[in-house]
Amino acid sequence: MDAANYLRLILALGLVLALIGLFAMLLRRYGPAAGLAIRRKGDKRLGVVEVMPLDARRRLVLLRRDGVEHLLLLGIGEDLVIETGITPPGDFKMALDRQEQAGTAS
């Protein structure tokens, strides 16, 4: 190969990389998530609190959404909502204290 072929190879590689970069920039700006709000790390509304495997096919998952917990049974064939609206442990103590104070006040 002579110098002209090497130059052609380098220019073609540069063009391909530039097109990939342009496509990535356009996808980021106009892609499927373009209109969605970007959240900061500490601003999450959804999280997995705990996962407990029951057997090889099923597991219990405790999710927290907006400060309320939900218990799900996940399996291969079907997923079930076991319980919704569970009060997290820290909030449960505060709720009991408020209930006791309301009971003694009346």
Foldseek 3Di string as FASTA:
>chain_A
DDPVVVVVVVVVVVVVVVVVVVVVVCCCCPNPCNPPDDDDPVPDFKDWDDWADPDPFWIWTWMGGNQWIWIKIDGDPDIDTPDTRHHDPVVVVVVVVVVVVVVVVD
